[in-house]
Amino acid sequence: MTKLEQIEKIVTELDKYEFEAFSAWFEALQAERWDRQMEADAASGKLDHLAEKAFADFRAGKTRRL
């Protein structure tokens, strides 16, 4: 049995409260990993083209106030 299969089995056996606690923990973990990835992408310049396009659109009058 793989680690993933073991985890799946254990998660399906959690009671309601344990499952809610696990879900909250897992969601926080996903958010933390996403934040770290975004920070790394920004620091490496991977997102620069998006900022450049946004500034170009703004200068060209292609934006509107929120």
PDB file of N, CA and C in Angstrom:
ATOM      1  N   MET A   1       0.844  -1.177   0.000  1.00  0.00           N
ATOM      2  CA  MET A   1       0.000   0.000   0.000  1.00  0.00           C
ATOM      3  C   MET A   1       0.894   1.247   0.000  1.00  0.00           C
ATOM      4  N   THR A   2       0.600   2.200  -0.883  1.00  0.00           N
ATOM      5  CA  THR A   2       1.402   3.415  -0.970  1.00  0.00           C
ATOM      6  C   THR A   2       1.054   4.360   0.181  1.00  0.00           C
ATOM      7  N   LYS A   3       1.906   5.358   0.378  1.00  0.00           N
ATOM      8  CA  LYS A   3       1.625   6.361   1.407  1.00  0.00           C
ATOM      9  C   LYS A   3       0.290   7.041   1.144  1.00  0.00           C
ATOM     10  N   LEU A   4       0.045   7.371  -0.123  1.00  0.00           N
ATOM     11  CA  LEU A   4      -1.208   8.036  -0.473  1.00  0.00           C
ATOM     12  C   LEU A   4      -2.403   7.161  -0.140  1.00  0.00           C
ATOM     13  N   GLU A   5      -2.316   5.903  -0.458  1.00  0.00           N
ATOM     14  CA  GLU A   5      -3.409   4.974  -0.137  1.00  0.00           C
ATOM     15  C   GLU A   5      -3.615   4.880   1.370  1.00  0.00           C
ATOM     16  N   GLN A   6      -2.528   4.867   2.133  1.00  0.00           N
ATOM     17  CA  GLN A   6      -2.631   4.827   3.590  1.00  0.00           C
ATOM     18  C   GLN A   6      -3.321   6.083   4.118  1.00  0.00           C
ATOM     19  N   ILE A   7      -2.922   7.237   3.581  1.00  0.00           N
ATOM     20  CA  ILE A   7      -3.525   8.498   4.011  1.00  0.00           C
ATOM     21  C   ILE A   7      -5.017   8.512   3.673  1.00  0.00           C
ATOM     22  N   GLU A   8      -5.348   8.109   2.456  1.00  0.00           N
ATOM     23  CA  GLU A   8      -6.751   8.075   2.043  1.00  0.00           C
ATOM     24  C   GLU A   8      -7.570   7.192   2.978  1.00  0.00           C
ATOM     25  N   LYS A   9      -7.035   6.041   3.327  1.00  0.00           N
ATOM     26  CA  LYS A   9      -7.745   5.117   4.219  1.00  0.00           C
ATOM     27  C   LYS A   9      -7.957   5.756   5.585  1.00  0.00           C
ATOM     28  N   ILE A  10      -6.917   6.351   6.125  1.00  0.00           N
ATOM     29  CA  ILE A  10      -7.004   6.970   7.441  1.00  0.00           C
ATOM     30  C   ILE A  10      -8.005   8.127   7.428  1.00  0.00           C
ATOM     31  N   VAL A  11      -7.948   8.952   6.383  1.00  0.00           N
ATOM     32  CA  VAL A  11      -8.849  10.113   6.312  1.00  0.00           C
ATOM     33  C   VAL A  11     -10.302   9.658   6.242  1.00  0.00           C
ATOM     34  N   THR A  12     -10.576   8.621   5.487  1.00  0.00           N
ATOM     35  CA  THR A  12     -11.960   8.141   5.392  1.00  0.00           C
ATOM     36  C   THR A  12     -12.462   7.572   6.721  1.00  0.00           C
ATOM     37  N   GLU A  13     -11.563   7.212   7.607  1.00  0.00           N
ATOM     38  CA  GLU A  13     -11.957   6.650   8.903  1.00  0.00           C
ATOM     39  C   GLU A  13     -12.085   7.705  10.006  1.00  0.00           C
ATOM     40  N   LEU A  14     -11.778   8.969   9.700  1.00  0.00           N
ATOM     41  CA  LEU A  14     -11.882  10.020  10.709  1.00  0.00           C
ATOM     42  C   LEU A  14     -13.349  10.293  11.050  1.00  0.00           C
ATOM     43  N   ASP A  15     -13.600  10.597  12.319  1.00  0.00           N
ATOM     44  CA  ASP A  15     -14.958  11.007  12.671  1.00  0.00           C
ATOM     45  C   ASP A  15     -15.178  12.454  12.224  1.00  0.00           C
ATOM     46  N   LYS A  16     -16.387  12.949  12.395  1.00  0.00           N
ATOM     47  CA  LYS A  16     -16.753  14.274  11.892  1.00  0.00           C
ATOM     48  C   LYS A  16     -15.822  15.372  12.401  1.00  0.00           C
ATOM     49  N   TYR A  17     -15.528  15.370  13.680  1.00  0.00           N
ATOM     50  CA  TYR A  17     -14.705  16.429  14.285  1.00  0.00           C
ATOM     51  C   TYR A  17     -13.243  16.322  13.860  1.00  0.00           C
ATOM     52  N   GLU A  18     -12.747  15.107  13.800  1.00  0.00           N
ATOM     53  CA  GLU A  18     -11.378  14.905  13.328  1.00  0.00           C
ATOM     54  C   GLU A  18     -11.252  15.326  11.864  1.00  0.00           C
ATOM     55  N   PHE A  19     -12.275  15.006  11.063  1.00  0.00           N
ATOM     56  CA  PHE A  19     -12.242  15.363   9.653  1.00  0.00           C
ATOM     57  C   PHE A  19     -12.278  16.879   9.482  1.00  0.00           C
ATOM     58  N   GLU A  20     -13.090  17.574  10.276  1.00  0.00           N
ATOM     59  CA  GLU A  20     -13.136  19.041  10.206  1.00  0.00           C
ATOM     60  C   GLU A  20     -11.789  19.641  10.596  1.00  0.00           C
ATOM     61  N   ALA A  21     -11.161  19.111  11.631  1.00  0.00           N
ATOM     62  CA  ALA A  21      -9.849  19.597  12.055  1.00  0.00           C
ATOM     63  C   ALA A  21      -8.808  19.319  10.977  1.00  0.00           C
ATOM     64  N   PHE A  22      -8.844  18.132  10.405  1.00  0.00           N
ATOM     65  CA  PHE A  22      -7.919  17.781   9.330  1.00  0.00           C
ATOM     66  C   PHE A  22      -8.121  18.703   8.132  1.00  0.00           C
ATOM     67  N   SER A  23      -9.371  18.934   7.764  1.00  0.00           N
ATOM     68  CA  SER A  23      -9.671  19.793   6.618  1.00  0.00           C
ATOM     69  C   SER A  23      -9.137  21.202   6.832  1.00  0.00           C
ATOM     70  N   ALA A  24      -9.318  21.745   8.024  1.00  0.00           N
ATOM     71  CA  ALA A  24      -8.822  23.091   8.329  1.00  0.00           C
ATOM     72  C   ALA A  24      -7.303  23.124   8.250  1.00  0.00           C
ATOM     73  N   TRP A  25      -6.667  22.125   8.807  1.00  0.00           N
ATOM     74  CA  TRP A  25      -5.195  22.051   8.757  1.00  0.00           C
ATOM     75  C   TRP A  25      -4.713  21.944   7.312  1.00  0.00           C
ATOM     76  N   PHE A  26      -5.358  21.081   6.521  1.00  0.00           N
ATOM     77  CA  PHE A  26      -4.922  20.863   5.150  1.00  0.00           C
ATOM     78  C   PHE A  26      -5.113  22.121   4.313  1.00  0.00           C
ATOM     79  N   GLU A  27      -6.225  22.816   4.514  1.00  0.00           N
ATOM     80  CA  GLU A  27      -6.470  24.065   3.787  1.00  0.00           C
ATOM     81  C   GLU A  27      -5.404  25.109   4.126  1.00  0.00           C
ATOM     82  N   ALA A  28      -5.042  25.198   5.402  1.00  0.00           N
ATOM     83  CA  ALA A  28      -3.992  26.139   5.812  1.00  0.00           C
ATOM     84  C   ALA A  28      -2.651  25.757   5.191  1.00  0.00           C
ATOM     85  N   LEU A  29      -2.360  24.477   5.133  1.00  0.00           N
ATOM     86  CA  LEU A  29      -1.121  24.006   4.513  1.00  0.00           C
ATOM     87  C   LEU A  29      -1.082  24.367   3.030  1.00  0.00           C
ATOM     88  N   GLN A  30      -2.196  24.155   2.333  1.00  0.00           N
ATOM     89  CA  GLN A  30      -2.254  24.504   0.915  1.00  0.00           C
ATOM     90  C   GLN A  30      -2.043  26.001   0.717  1.00  0.00           C
ATOM     91  N   ALA A  31      -2.669  26.818   1.538  1.00  0.00           N
ATOM     92  CA  ALA A  31      -2.524  28.270   1.428  1.00  0.00           C
ATOM     93  C   ALA A  31      -1.083  28.692   1.676  1.00  0.00           C
ATOM     94  N   GLU A  32      -0.452  28.088   2.671  1.00  0.00           N
ATOM     95  CA  GLU A  32       0.952  28.410   2.982  1.00  0.00           C
ATOM     96  C   GLU A  32       1.863  28.051   1.814  1.00  0.00           C
ATOM     97  N   ARG A  33       1.658  26.888   1.236  1.00  0.00           N
ATOM     98  CA  ARG A  33       2.482  26.465   0.103  1.00  0.00           C
ATOM     99  C   ARG A  33       2.251  27.362  -1.109  1.00  0.00           C
ATOM    100  N   TRP A  34       0.992  27.758  -1.342  1.00  0.00           N
ATOM    101  CA  TRP A  34       0.676  28.646  -2.450  1.00  0.00           C
ATOM    102  C   TRP A  34       1.363  29.989  -2.252  1.00  0.00           C
ATOM    103  N   ASP A  35       1.303  30.520  -1.022  1.00  0.00           N
ATOM    104  CA  ASP A  35       1.967  31.793  -0.722  1.00  0.00           C
ATOM    105  C   ASP A  35       3.463  31.710  -0.982  1.00  0.00           C
ATOM    106  N   ARG A  36       4.092  30.629  -0.523  1.00  0.00           N
ATOM    107  CA  ARG A  36       5.540  30.463  -0.738  1.00  0.00           C
ATOM    108  C   ARG A  36       5.878  30.384  -2.224  1.00  0.00           C
ATOM    109  N   GLN A  37       5.029  29.685  -2.997  1.00  0.00           N
ATOM    110  CA  GLN A  37       5.265  29.571  -4.427  1.00  0.00           C
ATOM    111  C   GLN A  37       5.120  30.929  -5.104  1.00  0.00           C
ATOM    112  N   MET A  38       4.105  31.690  -4.734  1.00  0.00           N
ATOM    113  CA  MET A  38       3.912  33.029  -5.307  1.00  0.00           C
ATOM    114  C   MET A  38       5.092  33.935  -4.968  1.00  0.00           C
ATOM    115  N   GLU A  39       5.565  33.874  -3.727  1.00  0.00           N
ATOM    116  CA  GLU A  39       6.724  34.676  -3.322  1.00  0.00           C
ATOM    117  C   GLU A  39       7.953  34.296  -4.136  1.00  0.00           C
ATOM    118  N   ALA A  40       8.161  33.005  -4.327  1.00  0.00           N
ATOM    119  CA  ALA A  40       9.314  32.541  -5.107  1.00  0.00           C
ATOM    120  C   ALA A  40       9.188  32.975  -6.570  1.00  0.00           C
ATOM    121  N   ASP A  41       7.986  32.856  -7.128  1.00  0.00           N
ATOM    122  CA  ASP A  41       7.775  33.264  -8.515  1.00  0.00           C
ATOM    123  C   ASP A  41       7.995  34.761  -8.676  1.00  0.00           C
ATOM    124  N   ALA A  42       7.513  35.548  -7.730  1.00  0.00           N
ATOM    125  CA  ALA A  42       7.694  37.001  -7.797  1.00  0.00           C
ATOM    126  C   ALA A  42       9.170  37.359  -7.679  1.00  0.00           C
ATOM    127  N   ALA A  43       9.875  36.730  -6.752  1.00  0.00           N
ATOM    128  CA  ALA A  43      11.290  37.024  -6.536  1.00  0.00           C
ATOM    129  C   ALA A  43      12.137  36.628  -7.745  1.00  0.00           C
ATOM    130  N   SER A  44      11.722  35.584  -8.445  1.00  0.00           N
ATOM    131  CA  SER A  44      12.504  35.114  -9.598  1.00  0.00           C
ATOM    132  C   SER A  44      12.174  35.870 -10.879  1.00  0.00           C
ATOM    133  N   GLY A  45      11.150  36.723 -10.834  1.00  0.00           N
ATOM    134  CA  GLY A  45      10.786  37.489 -12.017  1.00  0.00           C
ATOM    135  C   GLY A  45       9.753  36.819 -12.904  1.00  0.00           C
ATOM    136  N   LYS A  46       9.254  35.664 -12.500  1.00  0.00           N
ATOM    137  CA  LYS A  46       8.286  34.952 -13.328  1.00  0.00           C
ATOM    138  C   LYS A  46       6.995  35.740 -13.547  1.00  0.00           C
ATOM    139  N   LEU A  47       6.704  36.673 -12.647  1.00  0.00           N
ATOM    140  CA  LEU A  47       5.450  37.429 -12.744  1.00  0.00           C
ATOM    141  C   LEU A  47       5.636  38.811 -13.357  1.00  0.00           C
ATOM    142  N   ASP A  48       6.862  39.158 -13.690  1.00  0.00           N
ATOM    143  CA  ASP A  48       7.143  40.497 -14.204  1.00  0.00           C
ATOM    144  C   ASP A  48       6.333  40.825 -15.454  1.00  0.00           C
ATOM    145  N   HIS A  49       6.170  39.847 -16.332  1.00  0.00           N
ATOM    146  CA  HIS A  49       5.430  40.114 -17.570  1.00  0.00           C
ATOM    147  C   HIS A  49       3.982  40.498 -17.287  1.00  0.00           C
ATOM    148  N   LEU A  50       3.414  39.975 -16.214  1.00  0.00           N
ATOM    149  CA  LEU A  50       2.040  40.328 -15.858  1.00  0.00           C
ATOM    150  C   LEU A  50       1.958  41.778 -15.387  1.00  0.00           C
ATOM    151  N   ALA A  51       2.929  42.206 -14.593  1.00  0.00           N
ATOM    152  CA  ALA A  51       2.962  43.590 -14.128  1.00  0.00           C
ATOM    153  C   ALA A  51       3.187  44.533 -15.305  1.00  0.00           C
ATOM    154  N   GLU A  52       4.080  44.152 -16.210  1.00  0.00           N
ATOM    155  CA  GLU A  52       4.345  44.987 -17.377  1.00  0.00           C
ATOM    156  C   GLU A  52       3.092  45.155 -18.230  1.00  0.00           C
ATOM    157  N   LYS A  53       2.340  44.073 -18.408  1.00  0.00           N
ATOM    158  CA  LYS A  53       1.100  44.150 -19.187  1.00  0.00           C
ATOM    159  C   LYS A  53       0.083  45.035 -18.480  1.00  0.00           C
ATOM    160  N   ALA A  54      -0.038  44.909 -17.175  1.00  0.00           N
ATOM    161  CA  ALA A  54      -0.991  45.729 -16.424  1.00  0.00           C
ATOM    162  C   ALA A  54      -0.635  47.207 -16.542  1.00  0.00           C
ATOM    163  N   PHE A  55       0.647  47.548 -16.416  1.00  0.00           N
ATOM    164  CA  PHE A  55       1.065  48.947 -16.556  1.00  0.00           C
ATOM    165  C   PHE A  55       0.825  49.449 -17.977  1.00  0.00           C
ATOM    166  N   ALA A  56       1.088  48.619 -18.965  1.00  0.00           N
ATOM    167  CA  ALA A  56       0.861  49.006 -20.358  1.00  0.00           C
ATOM    168  C   ALA A  56      -0.624  49.252 -20.602  1.00  0.00           C
ATOM    169  N   ASP A  57      -1.470  48.382 -20.082  1.00  0.00           N
ATOM    170  CA  ASP A  57      -2.919  48.560 -20.220  1.00  0.00           C
ATOM    171  C   ASP A  57      -3.369  49.847 -19.530  1.00  0.00           C
ATOM    172  N   PHE A  58      -2.808  50.126 -18.367  1.00  0.00           N
ATOM    173  CA  PHE A  58      -3.167  51.346 -17.645  1.00  0.00           C
ATOM    174  C   PHE A  58      -2.772  52.582 -18.453  1.00  0.00           C
ATOM    175  N   ARG A  59      -1.545  52.581 -18.939  1.00  0.00           N
ATOM    176  CA  ARG A  59      -1.067  53.726 -19.726  1.00  0.00           C
ATOM    177  C   ARG A  59      -1.882  53.916 -21.002  1.00  0.00           C
ATOM    178  N   ALA A  60      -2.372  52.818 -21.573  1.00  0.00           N
ATOM    179  CA  ALA A  60      -3.152  52.881 -22.816  1.00  0.00           C
ATOM    180  C   ALA A  60      -4.624  53.191 -22.545  1.00  0.00           C
ATOM    181  N   GLY A  61      -5.000  53.383 -21.277  1.00  0.00           N
ATOM    182  CA  GLY A  61      -6.385  53.694 -20.949  1.00  0.00           C
ATOM    183  C   GLY A  61      -7.333  52.515 -21.032  1.00  0.00           C
ATOM    184  N   LYS A  62      -6.795  51.327 -20.931  1.00  0.00           N
ATOM    185  CA  LYS A  62      -7.616  50.108 -21.019  1.00  0.00           C
ATOM    186  C   LYS A  62      -8.107  49.620 -19.660  1.00  0.00           C
ATOM    187  N   THR A  63      -8.025  50.464 -18.657  1.00  0.00           N
ATOM    188  CA  THR A  63      -8.447  50.060 -17.312  1.00  0.00           C
ATOM    189  C   THR A  63      -9.575  50.983 -16.846  1.00  0.00           C
ATOM    190  N   ARG A  64     -10.213  50.601 -15.765  1.00  0.00           N
ATOM    191  CA  ARG A  64     -11.262  51.431 -15.180  1.00  0.00           C
ATOM    192  C   ARG A  64     -11.132  51.404 -13.662  1.00  0.00           C
ATOM    193  N   ARG A  65     -11.671  52.402 -13.028  1.00  0.00           N
ATOM    194  CA  ARG A  65     -11.623  52.469 -11.558  1.00  0.00           C
ATOM    195  C   ARG A  65     -12.480  51.361 -10.963  1.00  0.00           C
ATOM    196  N   LEU A  66     -12.056  50.860  -9.843  1.00  0.00           N
ATOM    197  CA  LEU A  66     -12.844  49.836  -9.141  1.00  0.00           C
ATOM    198  C   LEU A  66     -13.870  50.499  -8.249  1.00  0.00           C
TER     199      LEU A  66
END
